[in-house]
């Protein structure tokens, strides 16, 4: 399954890919 560490990694990758456009 997906634990807290994996969720944090997905968040970091999403932040790196989308940056300021992440809320949009």
PDBML (XML) file of the C-alpha atoms, coordinates in Angstrom:
<?xml version="1.0" encoding="UTF-8" ?>
<PDBx:datablock datablockName="MODEL"
   xmlns:PDBx="http://pdbml.pdb.org/schema/pdbx-v50.xsd"
   xmlns:xsi="http://www.w3.org/2001/XMLSchema-instance"
   xsi:schemaLocation="http://pdbml.pdb.org/schema/pdbx-v50.xsd pdbx-v50.xsd">
   <PDBx:atom_siteCategory>
      <PDBx:atom_site id="1">
         <PDBx:B_iso_or_equiv>0.00</PDBx:B_iso_or_equiv>
         <PDBx:Cartn_x>0.000</PDBx:Cartn_x>
         <PDBx:Cartn_y>0.000</PDBx:Cartn_y>
         <PDBx:Cartn_z>0.000</PDBx:Cartn_z>
         <PDBx:auth_asym_id>A</PDBx:auth_asym_id>
         <PDBx:auth_atom_id>CA</PDBx:auth_atom_id>
         <PDBx:auth_comp_id>UNK</PDBx:auth_comp_id>
         <PDBx:auth_seq_id>1</PDBx:auth_seq_id>
         <PDBx:group_PDB>ATOM</PDBx:group_PDB>
         <PDBx:label_alt_id xsi:nil="true" />
         <PDBx:label_asym_id>A</PDBx:label_asym_id>
         <PDBx:label_atom_id>CA</PDBx:label_atom_id>
         <PDBx:label_comp_id>UNK</PDBx:label_comp_id>
         <PDBx:label_entity_id>1</PDBx:label_entity_id>
         <PDBx:label_seq_id>1</PDBx:label_seq_id>
         <PDBx:occupancy>1.00</PDBx:occupancy>
         <PDBx:pdbx_PDB_model_num>1</PDBx:pdbx_PDB_model_num>
         <PDBx:type_symbol>C</PDBx:type_symbol>
      </PDBx:atom_site>
      <PDBx:atom_site id="2">
         <PDBx:B_iso_or_equiv>0.00</PDBx:B_iso_or_equiv>
         <PDBx:Cartn_x>0.917</PDBx:Cartn_x>
         <PDBx:Cartn_y>3.675</PDBx:Cartn_y>
         <PDBx:Cartn_z>0.381</PDBx:Cartn_z>
         <PDBx:auth_asym_id>A</PDBx:auth_asym_id>
         <PDBx:auth_atom_id>CA</PDBx:auth_atom_id>
         <PDBx:auth_comp_id>UNK</PDBx:auth_comp_id>
         <PDBx:auth_seq_id>2</PDBx:auth_seq_id>
         <PDBx:group_PDB>ATOM</PDBx:group_PDB>
         <PDBx:label_alt_id xsi:nil="true" />
         <PDBx:label_asym_id>A</PDBx:label_asym_id>
         <PDBx:label_atom_id>CA</PDBx:label_atom_id>
         <PDBx:label_comp_id>UNK</PDBx:label_comp_id>
         <PDBx:label_entity_id>1</PDBx:label_entity_id>
         <PDBx:label_seq_id>2</PDBx:label_seq_id>
         <PDBx:occupancy>1.00</PDBx:occupancy>
         <PDBx:pdbx_PDB_model_num>1</PDBx:pdbx_PDB_model_num>
         <PDBx:type_symbol>C</PDBx:type_symbol>
      </PDBx:atom_site>
      <PDBx:atom_site id="3">
         <PDBx:B_iso_or_equiv>0.00</PDBx:B_iso_or_equiv>
         <PDBx:Cartn_x>2.403</PDBx:Cartn_x>
         <PDBx:Cartn_y>4.855</PDBx:Cartn_y>
         <PDBx:Cartn_z>3.652</PDBx:Cartn_z>
         <PDBx:auth_asym_id>A</PDBx:auth_asym_id>
         <PDBx:auth_atom_id>CA</PDBx:auth_atom_id>
         <PDBx:auth_comp_id>UNK</PDBx:auth_comp_id>
         <PDBx:auth_seq_id>3</PDBx:auth_seq_id>
         <PDBx:group_PDB>ATOM</PDBx:group_PDB>
         <PDBx:label_alt_id xsi:nil="true" />
         <PDBx:label_asym_id>A</PDBx:label_asym_id>
         <PDBx:label_atom_id>CA</PDBx:label_atom_id>
         <PDBx:label_comp_id>UNK</PDBx:label_comp_id>
         <PDBx:label_entity_id>1</PDBx:label_entity_id>
         <PDBx:label_seq_id>3</PDBx:label_seq_id>
         <PDBx:occupancy>1.00</PDBx:occupancy>
         <PDBx:pdbx_PDB_model_num>1</PDBx:pdbx_PDB_model_num>
         <PDBx:type_symbol>C</PDBx:type_symbol>
      </PDBx:atom_site>
      <PDBx:atom_site id="4">
         <PDBx:B_iso_or_equiv>0.00</PDBx:B_iso_or_equiv>
         <PDBx:Cartn_x>3.290</PDBx:Cartn_x>
         <PDBx:Cartn_y>8.346</PDBx:Cartn_y>
         <PDBx:Cartn_z>4.893</PDBx:Cartn_z>
         <PDBx:auth_asym_id>A</PDBx:auth_asym_id>
         <PDBx:auth_atom_id>CA</PDBx:auth_atom_id>
         <PDBx:auth_comp_id>UNK</PDBx:auth_comp_id>
         <PDBx:auth_seq_id>4</PDBx:auth_seq_id>
         <PDBx:group_PDB>ATOM</PDBx:group_PDB>
         <PDBx:label_alt_id xsi:nil="true" />
         <PDBx:label_asym_id>A</PDBx:label_asym_id>
         <PDBx:label_atom_id>CA</PDBx:label_atom_id>
         <PDBx:label_comp_id>UNK</PDBx:label_comp_id>
         <PDBx:label_entity_id>1</PDBx:label_entity_id>
         <PDBx:label_seq_id>4</PDBx:label_seq_id>
         <PDBx:occupancy>1.00</PDBx:occupancy>
         <PDBx:pdbx_PDB_model_num>1</PDBx:pdbx_PDB_model_num>
         <PDBx:type_symbol>C</PDBx:type_symbol>
      </PDBx:atom_site>
      <PDBx:atom_site id="5">
         <PDBx:B_iso_or_equiv>0.00</PDBx:B_iso_or_equiv>
         <PDBx:Cartn_x>6.787</PDBx:Cartn_x>
         <PDBx:Cartn_y>8.233</PDBx:Cartn_y>
         <PDBx:Cartn_z>3.396</PDBx:Cartn_z>
         <PDBx:auth_asym_id>A</PDBx:auth_asym_id>
         <PDBx:auth_atom_id>CA</PDBx:auth_atom_id>
         <PDBx:auth_comp_id>UNK</PDBx:auth_comp_id>
         <PDBx:auth_seq_id>5</PDBx:auth_seq_id>
         <PDBx:group_PDB>ATOM</PDBx:group_PDB>
         <PDBx:label_alt_id xsi:nil="true" />
         <PDBx:label_asym_id>A</PDBx:label_asym_id>
         <PDBx:label_atom_id>CA</PDBx:label_atom_id>
         <PDBx:label_comp_id>UNK</PDBx:label_comp_id>
         <PDBx:label_entity_id>1</PDBx:label_entity_id>
         <PDBx:label_seq_id>5</PDBx:label_seq_id>
         <PDBx:occupancy>1.00</PDBx:occupancy>
         <PDBx:pdbx_PDB_model_num>1</PDBx:pdbx_PDB_model_num>
         <PDBx:type_symbol>C</PDBx:type_symbol>
      </PDBx:atom_site>
      <PDBx:atom_site id="6">
         <PDBx:B_iso_or_equiv>0.00</PDBx:B_iso_or_equiv>
         <PDBx:Cartn_x>5.436</PDBx:Cartn_x>
         <PDBx:Cartn_y>7.388</PDBx:Cartn_y>
         <PDBx:Cartn_z>-0.068</PDBx:Cartn_z>
         <PDBx:auth_asym_id>A</PDBx:auth_asym_id>
         <PDBx:auth_atom_id>CA</PDBx:auth_atom_id>
         <PDBx:auth_comp_id>UNK</PDBx:auth_comp_id>
         <PDBx:auth_seq_id>6</PDBx:auth_seq_id>
         <PDBx:group_PDB>ATOM</PDBx:group_PDB>
         <PDBx:label_alt_id xsi:nil="true" />
         <PDBx:label_asym_id>A</PDBx:label_asym_id>
         <PDBx:label_atom_id>CA</PDBx:label_atom_id>
         <PDBx:label_comp_id>UNK</PDBx:label_comp_id>
         <PDBx:label_entity_id>1</PDBx:label_entity_id>
         <PDBx:label_seq_id>6</PDBx:label_seq_id>
         <PDBx:occupancy>1.00</PDBx:occupancy>
         <PDBx:pdbx_PDB_model_num>1</PDBx:pdbx_PDB_model_num>
         <PDBx:type_symbol>C</PDBx:type_symbol>
      </PDBx:atom_site>
      <PDBx:atom_site id="7">
         <PDBx:B_iso_or_equiv>0.00</PDBx:B_iso_or_equiv>
         <PDBx:Cartn_x>2.835</PDBx:Cartn_x>
         <PDBx:Cartn_y>10.161</PDBx:Cartn_y>
         <PDBx:Cartn_z>0.174</PDBx:Cartn_z>
         <PDBx:auth_asym_id>A</PDBx:auth_asym_id>
         <PDBx:auth_atom_id>CA</PDBx:auth_atom_id>
         <PDBx:auth_comp_id>UNK</PDBx:auth_comp_id>
         <PDBx:auth_seq_id>7</PDBx:auth_seq_id>
         <PDBx:group_PDB>ATOM</PDBx:group_PDB>
         <PDBx:label_alt_id xsi:nil="true" />
         <PDBx:label_asym_id>A</PDBx:label_asym_id>
         <PDBx:label_atom_id>CA</PDBx:label_atom_id>
         <PDBx:label_comp_id>UNK</PDBx:label_comp_id>
         <PDBx:label_entity_id>1</PDBx:label_entity_id>
         <PDBx:label_seq_id>7</PDBx:label_seq_id>
         <PDBx:occupancy>1.00</PDBx:occupancy>
         <PDBx:pdbx_PDB_model_num>1</PDBx:pdbx_PDB_model_num>
         <PDBx:type_symbol>C</PDBx:type_symbol>
      </PDBx:atom_site>
      <PDBx:atom_site id="8">
         <PDBx:B_iso_or_equiv>0.00</PDBx:B_iso_or_equiv>
         <PDBx:Cartn_x>5.579</PDBx:Cartn_x>
         <PDBx:Cartn_y>12.650</PDBx:Cartn_y>
         <PDBx:Cartn_z>1.087</PDBx:Cartn_z>
         <PDBx:auth_asym_id>A</PDBx:auth_asym_id>
         <PDBx:auth_atom_id>CA</PDBx:auth_atom_id>
         <PDBx:auth_comp_id>UNK</PDBx:auth_comp_id>
         <PDBx:auth_seq_id>8</PDBx:auth_seq_id>
         <PDBx:group_PDB>ATOM</PDBx:group_PDB>
         <PDBx:label_alt_id xsi:nil="true" />
         <PDBx:label_asym_id>A</PDBx:label_asym_id>
         <PDBx:label_atom_id>CA</PDBx:label_atom_id>
         <PDBx:label_comp_id>UNK</PDBx:label_comp_id>
         <PDBx:label_entity_id>1</PDBx:label_entity_id>
         <PDBx:label_seq_id>8</PDBx:label_seq_id>
         <PDBx:occupancy>1.00</PDBx:occupancy>
         <PDBx:pdbx_PDB_model_num>1</PDBx:pdbx_PDB_model_num>
         <PDBx:type_symbol>C</PDBx:type_symbol>
      </PDBx:atom_site>
      <PDBx:atom_site id="9">
         <PDBx:B_iso_or_equiv>0.00</PDBx:B_iso_or_equiv>
         <PDBx:Cartn_x>7.665</PDBx:Cartn_x>
         <PDBx:Cartn_y>11.511</PDBx:Cartn_y>
         <PDBx:Cartn_z>-1.902</PDBx:Cartn_z>
         <PDBx:auth_asym_id>A</PDBx:auth_asym_id>
         <PDBx:auth_atom_id>CA</PDBx:auth_atom_id>
         <PDBx:auth_comp_id>UNK</PDBx:auth_comp_id>
         <PDBx:auth_seq_id>9</PDBx:auth_seq_id>
         <PDBx:group_PDB>ATOM</PDBx:group_PDB>
         <PDBx:label_alt_id xsi:nil="true" />
         <PDBx:label_asym_id>A</PDBx:label_asym_id>
         <PDBx:label_atom_id>CA</PDBx:label_atom_id>
         <PDBx:label_comp_id>UNK</PDBx:label_comp_id>
         <PDBx:label_entity_id>1</PDBx:label_entity_id>
         <PDBx:label_seq_id>9</PDBx:label_seq_id>
         <PDBx:occupancy>1.00</PDBx:occupancy>
         <PDBx:pdbx_PDB_model_num>1</PDBx:pdbx_PDB_model_num>
         <PDBx:type_symbol>C</PDBx:type_symbol>
      </PDBx:atom_site>
      <PDBx:atom_site id="10">
         <PDBx:B_iso_or_equiv>0.00</PDBx:B_iso_or_equiv>
         <PDBx:Cartn_x>4.690</PDBx:Cartn_x>
         <PDBx:Cartn_y>11.949</PDBx:Cartn_y>
         <PDBx:Cartn_z>-4.249</PDBx:Cartn_z>
         <PDBx:auth_asym_id>A</PDBx:auth_asym_id>
         <PDBx:auth_atom_id>CA</PDBx:auth_atom_id>
         <PDBx:auth_comp_id>UNK</PDBx:auth_comp_id>
         <PDBx:auth_seq_id>10</PDBx:auth_seq_id>
         <PDBx:group_PDB>ATOM</PDBx:group_PDB>
         <PDBx:label_alt_id xsi:nil="true" />
         <PDBx:label_asym_id>A</PDBx:label_asym_id>
         <PDBx:label_atom_id>CA</PDBx:label_atom_id>
         <PDBx:label_comp_id>UNK</PDBx:label_comp_id>
         <PDBx:label_entity_id>1</PDBx:label_entity_id>
         <PDBx:label_seq_id>10</PDBx:label_seq_id>
         <PDBx:occupancy>1.00</PDBx:occupancy>
         <PDBx:pdbx_PDB_model_num>1</PDBx:pdbx_PDB_model_num>
         <PDBx:type_symbol>C</PDBx:type_symbol>
      </PDBx:atom_site>
      <PDBx:atom_site id="11">
         <PDBx:B_iso_or_equiv>0.00</PDBx:B_iso_or_equiv>
         <PDBx:Cartn_x>4.179</PDBx:Cartn_x>
         <PDBx:Cartn_y>15.444</PDBx:Cartn_y>
         <PDBx:Cartn_z>-2.845</PDBx:Cartn_z>
         <PDBx:auth_asym_id>A</PDBx:auth_asym_id>
         <PDBx:auth_atom_id>CA</PDBx:auth_atom_id>
         <PDBx:auth_comp_id>UNK</PDBx:auth_comp_id>
         <PDBx:auth_seq_id>11</PDBx:auth_seq_id>
         <PDBx:group_PDB>ATOM</PDBx:group_PDB>
         <PDBx:label_alt_id xsi:nil="true" />
         <PDBx:label_asym_id>A</PDBx:label_asym_id>
         <PDBx:label_atom_id>CA</PDBx:label_atom_id>
         <PDBx:label_comp_id>UNK</PDBx:label_comp_id>
         <PDBx:label_entity_id>1</PDBx:label_entity_id>
         <PDBx:label_seq_id>11</PDBx:label_seq_id>
         <PDBx:occupancy>1.00</PDBx:occupancy>
         <PDBx:pdbx_PDB_model_num>1</PDBx:pdbx_PDB_model_num>
         <PDBx:type_symbol>C</PDBx:type_symbol>
      </PDBx:atom_site>
      <PDBx:atom_site id="12">
         <PDBx:B_iso_or_equiv>0.00</PDBx:B_iso_or_equiv>
         <PDBx:Cartn_x>7.835</PDBx:Cartn_x>
         <PDBx:Cartn_y>16.400</PDBx:Cartn_y>
         <PDBx:Cartn_z>-3.391</PDBx:Cartn_z>
         <PDBx:auth_asym_id>A</PDBx:auth_asym_id>
         <PDBx:auth_atom_id>CA</PDBx:auth_atom_id>
         <PDBx:auth_comp_id>UNK</PDBx:auth_comp_id>
         <PDBx:auth_seq_id>12</PDBx:auth_seq_id>
         <PDBx:group_PDB>ATOM</PDBx:group_PDB>
         <PDBx:label_alt_id xsi:nil="true" />
         <PDBx:label_asym_id>A</PDBx:label_asym_id>
         <PDBx:label_atom_id>CA</PDBx:label_atom_id>
         <PDBx:label_comp_id>UNK</PDBx:label_comp_id>
         <PDBx:label_entity_id>1</PDBx:label_entity_id>
         <PDBx:label_seq_id>12</PDBx:label_seq_id>
         <PDBx:occupancy>1.00</PDBx:occupancy>
         <PDBx:pdbx_PDB_model_num>1</PDBx:pdbx_PDB_model_num>
         <PDBx:type_symbol>C</PDBx:type_symbol>
      </PDBx:atom_site>
      <PDBx:atom_site id="13">
         <PDBx:B_iso_or_equiv>0.00</PDBx:B_iso_or_equiv>
         <PDBx:Cartn_x>7.782</PDBx:Cartn_x>
         <PDBx:Cartn_y>15.034</PDBx:Cartn_y>
         <PDBx:Cartn_z>-6.958</PDBx:Cartn_z>
         <PDBx:auth_asym_id>A</PDBx:auth_asym_id>
         <PDBx:auth_atom_id>CA</PDBx:auth_atom_id>
         <PDBx:auth_comp_id>UNK</PDBx:auth_comp_id>
         <PDBx:auth_seq_id>13</PDBx:auth_seq_id>
         <PDBx:group_PDB>ATOM</PDBx:group_PDB>
         <PDBx:label_alt_id xsi:nil="true" />
         <PDBx:label_asym_id>A</PDBx:label_asym_id>
         <PDBx:label_atom_id>CA</PDBx:label_atom_id>
         <PDBx:label_comp_id>UNK</PDBx:label_comp_id>
         <PDBx:label_entity_id>1</PDBx:label_entity_id>
         <PDBx:label_seq_id>13</PDBx:label_seq_id>
         <PDBx:occupancy>1.00</PDBx:occupancy>
         <PDBx:pdbx_PDB_model_num>1</PDBx:pdbx_PDB_model_num>
         <PDBx:type_symbol>C</PDBx:type_symbol>
      </PDBx:atom_site>
      <PDBx:atom_site id="14">
         <PDBx:B_iso_or_equiv>0.00</PDBx:B_iso_or_equiv>
         <PDBx:Cartn_x>4.533</PDBx:Cartn_x>
         <PDBx:Cartn_y>16.909</PDBx:Cartn_y>
         <PDBx:Cartn_z>-7.694</PDBx:Cartn_z>
         <PDBx:auth_asym_id>A</PDBx:auth_asym_id>
         <PDBx:auth_atom_id>CA</PDBx:auth_atom_id>
         <PDBx:auth_comp_id>UNK</PDBx:auth_comp_id>
         <PDBx:auth_seq_id>14</PDBx:auth_seq_id>
         <PDBx:group_PDB>ATOM</PDBx:group_PDB>
         <PDBx:label_alt_id xsi:nil="true" />
         <PDBx:label_asym_id>A</PDBx:label_asym_id>
         <PDBx:label_atom_id>CA</PDBx:label_atom_id>
         <PDBx:label_comp_id>UNK</PDBx:label_comp_id>
         <PDBx:label_entity_id>1</PDBx:label_entity_id>
         <PDBx:label_seq_id>14</PDBx:label_seq_id>
         <PDBx:occupancy>1.00</PDBx:occupancy>
         <PDBx:pdbx_PDB_model_num>1</PDBx:pdbx_PDB_model_num>
         <PDBx:type_symbol>C</PDBx:type_symbol>
      </PDBx:atom_site>
      <PDBx:atom_site id="15">
         <PDBx:B_iso_or_equiv>0.00</PDBx:B_iso_or_equiv>
         <PDBx:Cartn_x>6.035</PDBx:Cartn_x>
         <PDBx:Cartn_y>20.131</PDBx:Cartn_y>
         <PDBx:Cartn_z>-6.272</PDBx:Cartn_z>
         <PDBx:auth_asym_id>A</PDBx:auth_asym_id>
         <PDBx:auth_atom_id>CA</PDBx:auth_atom_id>
         <PDBx:auth_comp_id>UNK</PDBx:auth_comp_id>
         <PDBx:auth_seq_id>15</PDBx:auth_seq_id>
         <PDBx:group_PDB>ATOM</PDBx:group_PDB>
         <PDBx:label_alt_id xsi:nil="true" />
         <PDBx:label_asym_id>A</PDBx:label_asym_id>
         <PDBx:label_atom_id>CA</PDBx:label_atom_id>
         <PDBx:label_comp_id>UNK</PDBx:label_comp_id>
         <PDBx:label_entity_id>1</PDBx:label_entity_id>
         <PDBx:label_seq_id>15</PDBx:label_seq_id>
         <PDBx:occupancy>1.00</PDBx:occupancy>
         <PDBx:pdbx_PDB_model_num>1</PDBx:pdbx_PDB_model_num>
         <PDBx:type_symbol>C</PDBx:type_symbol>
      </PDBx:atom_site>
      <PDBx:atom_site id="16">
         <PDBx:B_iso_or_equiv>0.00</PDBx:B_iso_or_equiv>
         <PDBx:Cartn_x>9.142</PDBx:Cartn_x>
         <PDBx:Cartn_y>19.730</PDBx:Cartn_y>
         <PDBx:Cartn_z>-8.426</PDBx:Cartn_z>
         <PDBx:auth_asym_id>A</PDBx:auth_asym_id>
         <PDBx:auth_atom_id>CA</PDBx:auth_atom_id>
         <PDBx:auth_comp_id>UNK</PDBx:auth_comp_id>
         <PDBx:auth_seq_id>16</PDBx:auth_seq_id>
         <PDBx:group_PDB>ATOM</PDBx:group_PDB>
         <PDBx:label_alt_id xsi:nil="true" />
         <PDBx:label_asym_id>A</PDBx:label_asym_id>
         <PDBx:label_atom_id>CA</PDBx:label_atom_id>
         <PDBx:label_comp_id>UNK</PDBx:label_comp_id>
         <PDBx:label_entity_id>1</PDBx:label_entity_id>
         <PDBx:label_seq_id>16</PDBx:label_seq_id>
         <PDBx:occupancy>1.00</PDBx:occupancy>
         <PDBx:pdbx_PDB_model_num>1</PDBx:pdbx_PDB_model_num>
         <PDBx:type_symbol>C</PDBx:type_symbol>
      </PDBx:atom_site>
      <PDBx:atom_site id="17">
         <PDBx:B_iso_or_equiv>0.00</PDBx:B_iso_or_equiv>
         <PDBx:Cartn_x>7.140</PDBx:Cartn_x>
         <PDBx:Cartn_y>19.023</PDBx:Cartn_y>
         <PDBx:Cartn_z>-11.581</PDBx:Cartn_z>
         <PDBx:auth_asym_id>A</PDBx:auth_asym_id>
         <PDBx:auth_atom_id>CA</PDBx:auth_atom_id>
         <PDBx:auth_comp_id>UNK</PDBx:auth_comp_id>
         <PDBx:auth_seq_id>17</PDBx:auth_seq_id>
         <PDBx:group_PDB>ATOM</PDBx:group_PDB>
         <PDBx:label_alt_id xsi:nil="true" />
         <PDBx:label_asym_id>A</PDBx:label_asym_id>
         <PDBx:label_atom_id>CA</PDBx:label_atom_id>
         <PDBx:label_comp_id>UNK</PDBx:label_comp_id>
         <PDBx:label_entity_id>1</PDBx:label_entity_id>
         <PDBx:label_seq_id>17</PDBx:label_seq_id>
         <PDBx:occupancy>1.00</PDBx:occupancy>
         <PDBx:pdbx_PDB_model_num>1</PDBx:pdbx_PDB_model_num>
         <PDBx:type_symbol>C</PDBx:type_symbol>
      </PDBx:atom_site>
      <PDBx:atom_site id="18">
         <PDBx:B_iso_or_equiv>0.00</PDBx:B_iso_or_equiv>
         <PDBx:Cartn_x>4.391</PDBx:Cartn_x>
         <PDBx:Cartn_y>21.613</PDBx:Cartn_y>
         <PDBx:Cartn_z>-11.247</PDBx:Cartn_z>
         <PDBx:auth_asym_id>A</PDBx:auth_asym_id>
         <PDBx:auth_atom_id>CA</PDBx:auth_atom_id>
         <PDBx:auth_comp_id>UNK</PDBx:auth_comp_id>
         <PDBx:auth_seq_id>18</PDBx:auth_seq_id>
         <PDBx:group_PDB>ATOM</PDBx:group_PDB>
         <PDBx:label_alt_id xsi:nil="true" />
         <PDBx:label_asym_id>A</PDBx:label_asym_id>
         <PDBx:label_atom_id>CA</PDBx:label_atom_id>
         <PDBx:label_comp_id>UNK</PDBx:label_comp_id>
         <PDBx:label_entity_id>1</PDBx:label_entity_id>
         <PDBx:label_seq_id>18</PDBx:label_seq_id>
         <PDBx:occupancy>1.00</PDBx:occupancy>
         <PDBx:pdbx_PDB_model_num>1</PDBx:pdbx_PDB_model_num>
         <PDBx:type_symbol>C</PDBx:type_symbol>
      </PDBx:atom_site>
      <PDBx:atom_site id="19">
         <PDBx:B_iso_or_equiv>0.00</PDBx:B_iso_or_equiv>
         <PDBx:Cartn_x>5.871</PDBx:Cartn_x>
         <PDBx:Cartn_y>24.244</PDBx:Cartn_y>
         <PDBx:Cartn_z>-8.900</PDBx:Cartn_z>
         <PDBx:auth_asym_id>A</PDBx:auth_asym_id>
         <PDBx:auth_atom_id>CA</PDBx:auth_atom_id>
         <PDBx:auth_comp_id>UNK</PDBx:auth_comp_id>
         <PDBx:auth_seq_id>19</PDBx:auth_seq_id>
         <PDBx:group_PDB>ATOM</PDBx:group_PDB>
         <PDBx:label_alt_id xsi:nil="true" />
         <PDBx:label_asym_id>A</PDBx:label_asym_id>
         <PDBx:label_atom_id>CA</PDBx:label_atom_id>
         <PDBx:label_comp_id>UNK</PDBx:label_comp_id>
         <PDBx:label_entity_id>1</PDBx:label_entity_id>
         <PDBx:label_seq_id>19</PDBx:label_seq_id>
         <PDBx:occupancy>1.00</PDBx:occupancy>
         <PDBx:pdbx_PDB_model_num>1</PDBx:pdbx_PDB_model_num>
         <PDBx:type_symbol>C</PDBx:type_symbol>
      </PDBx:atom_site>
      <PDBx:atom_site id="20">
         <PDBx:B_iso_or_equiv>0.00</PDBx:B_iso_or_equiv>
         <PDBx:Cartn_x>3.650</PDBx:Cartn_x>
         <PDBx:Cartn_y>27.322</PDBx:Cartn_y>
         <PDBx:Cartn_z>-8.643</PDBx:Cartn_z>
         <PDBx:auth_asym_id>A</PDBx:auth_asym_id>
         <PDBx:auth_atom_id>CA</PDBx:auth_atom_id>
         <PDBx:auth_comp_id>UNK</PDBx:auth_comp_id>
         <PDBx:auth_seq_id>20</PDBx:auth_seq_id>
         <PDBx:group_PDB>ATOM</PDBx:group_PDB>
         <PDBx:label_alt_id xsi:nil="true" />
         <PDBx:label_asym_id>A</PDBx:label_asym_id>
         <PDBx:label_atom_id>CA</PDBx:label_atom_id>
         <PDBx:label_comp_id>UNK</PDBx:label_comp_id>
         <PDBx:label_entity_id>1</PDBx:label_entity_id>
         <PDBx:label_seq_id>20</PDBx:label_seq_id>
         <PDBx:occupancy>1.00</PDBx:occupancy>
         <PDBx:pdbx_PDB_model_num>1</PDBx:pdbx_PDB_model_num>
         <PDBx:type_symbol>C</PDBx:type_symbol>
      </PDBx:atom_site>
      <PDBx:atom_site id="21">
         <PDBx:B_iso_or_equiv>0.00</PDBx:B_iso_or_equiv>
         <PDBx:Cartn_x>0.968</PDBx:Cartn_x>
         <PDBx:Cartn_y>25.751</PDBx:Cartn_y>
         <PDBx:Cartn_z>-10.814</PDBx:Cartn_z>
         <PDBx:auth_asym_id>A</PDBx:auth_asym_id>
         <PDBx:auth_atom_id>CA</PDBx:auth_atom_id>
         <PDBx:auth_comp_id>UNK</PDBx:auth_comp_id>
         <PDBx:auth_seq_id>21</PDBx:auth_seq_id>
         <PDBx:group_PDB>ATOM</PDBx:group_PDB>
         <PDBx:label_alt_id xsi:nil="true" />
         <PDBx:label_asym_id>A</PDBx:label_asym_id>
         <PDBx:label_atom_id>CA</PDBx:label_atom_id>
         <PDBx:label_comp_id>UNK</PDBx:label_comp_id>
         <PDBx:label_entity_id>1</PDBx:label_entity_id>
         <PDBx:label_seq_id>21</PDBx:label_seq_id>
         <PDBx:occupancy>1.00</PDBx:occupancy>
         <PDBx:pdbx_PDB_model_num>1</PDBx:pdbx_PDB_model_num>
         <PDBx:type_symbol>C</PDBx:type_symbol>
      </PDBx:atom_site>
      <PDBx:atom_site id="22">
         <PDBx:B_iso_or_equiv>0.00</PDBx:B_iso_or_equiv>
         <PDBx:Cartn_x>0.341</PDBx:Cartn_x>
         <PDBx:Cartn_y>22.948</PDBx:Cartn_y>
         <PDBx:Cartn_z>-8.281</PDBx:Cartn_z>
         <PDBx:auth_asym_id>A</PDBx:auth_asym_id>
         <PDBx:auth_atom_id>CA</PDBx:auth_atom_id>
         <PDBx:auth_comp_id>UNK</PDBx:auth_comp_id>
         <PDBx:auth_seq_id>22</PDBx:auth_seq_id>
         <PDBx:group_PDB>ATOM</PDBx:group_PDB>
         <PDBx:label_alt_id xsi:nil="true" />
         <PDBx:label_asym_id>A</PDBx:label_asym_id>
         <PDBx:label_atom_id>CA</PDBx:label_atom_id>
         <PDBx:label_comp_id>UNK</PDBx:label_comp_id>
         <PDBx:label_entity_id>1</PDBx:label_entity_id>
         <PDBx:label_seq_id>22</PDBx:label_seq_id>
         <PDBx:occupancy>1.00</PDBx:occupancy>
         <PDBx:pdbx_PDB_model_num>1</PDBx:pdbx_PDB_model_num>
         <PDBx:type_symbol>C</PDBx:type_symbol>
      </PDBx:atom_site>
      <PDBx:atom_site id="23">
         <PDBx:B_iso_or_equiv>0.00</PDBx:B_iso_or_equiv>
         <PDBx:Cartn_x>-2.884</PDBx:Cartn_x>
         <PDBx:Cartn_y>24.513</PDBx:Cartn_y>
         <PDBx:Cartn_z>-6.835</PDBx:Cartn_z>
         <PDBx:auth_asym_id>A</PDBx:auth_asym_id>
         <PDBx:auth_atom_id>CA</PDBx:auth_atom_id>
         <PDBx:auth_comp_id>UNK</PDBx:auth_comp_id>
         <PDBx:auth_seq_id>23</PDBx:auth_seq_id>
         <PDBx:group_PDB>ATOM</PDBx:group_PDB>
         <PDBx:label_alt_id xsi:nil="true" />
         <PDBx:label_asym_id>A</PDBx:label_asym_id>
         <PDBx:label_atom_id>CA</PDBx:label_atom_id>
         <PDBx:label_comp_id>UNK</PDBx:label_comp_id>
         <PDBx:label_entity_id>1</PDBx:label_entity_id>
         <PDBx:label_seq_id>23</PDBx:label_seq_id>
         <PDBx:occupancy>1.00</PDBx:occupancy>
         <PDBx:pdbx_PDB_model_num>1</PDBx:pdbx_PDB_model_num>
         <PDBx:type_symbol>C</PDBx:type_symbol>
      </PDBx:atom_site>
      <PDBx:atom_site id="24">
         <PDBx:B_iso_or_equiv>0.00</PDBx:B_iso_or_equiv>
         <PDBx:Cartn_x>-4.219</PDBx:Cartn_x>
         <PDBx:Cartn_y>25.002</PDBx:Cartn_y>
         <PDBx:Cartn_z>-10.359</PDBx:Cartn_z>
         <PDBx:auth_asym_id>A</PDBx:auth_asym_id>
         <PDBx:auth_atom_id>CA</PDBx:auth_atom_id>
         <PDBx:auth_comp_id>UNK</PDBx:auth_comp_id>
         <PDBx:auth_seq_id>24</PDBx:auth_seq_id>
         <PDBx:group_PDB>ATOM</PDBx:group_PDB>
         <PDBx:label_alt_id xsi:nil="true" />
         <PDBx:label_asym_id>A</PDBx:label_asym_id>
         <PDBx:label_atom_id>CA</PDBx:label_atom_id>
         <PDBx:label_comp_id>UNK</PDBx:label_comp_id>
         <PDBx:label_entity_id>1</PDBx:label_entity_id>
         <PDBx:label_seq_id>24</PDBx:label_seq_id>
         <PDBx:occupancy>1.00</PDBx:occupancy>
         <PDBx:pdbx_PDB_model_num>1</PDBx:pdbx_PDB_model_num>
         <PDBx:type_symbol>C</PDBx:type_symbol>
      </PDBx:atom_site>
   </PDBx:atom_siteCategory>
</PDBx:datablock>
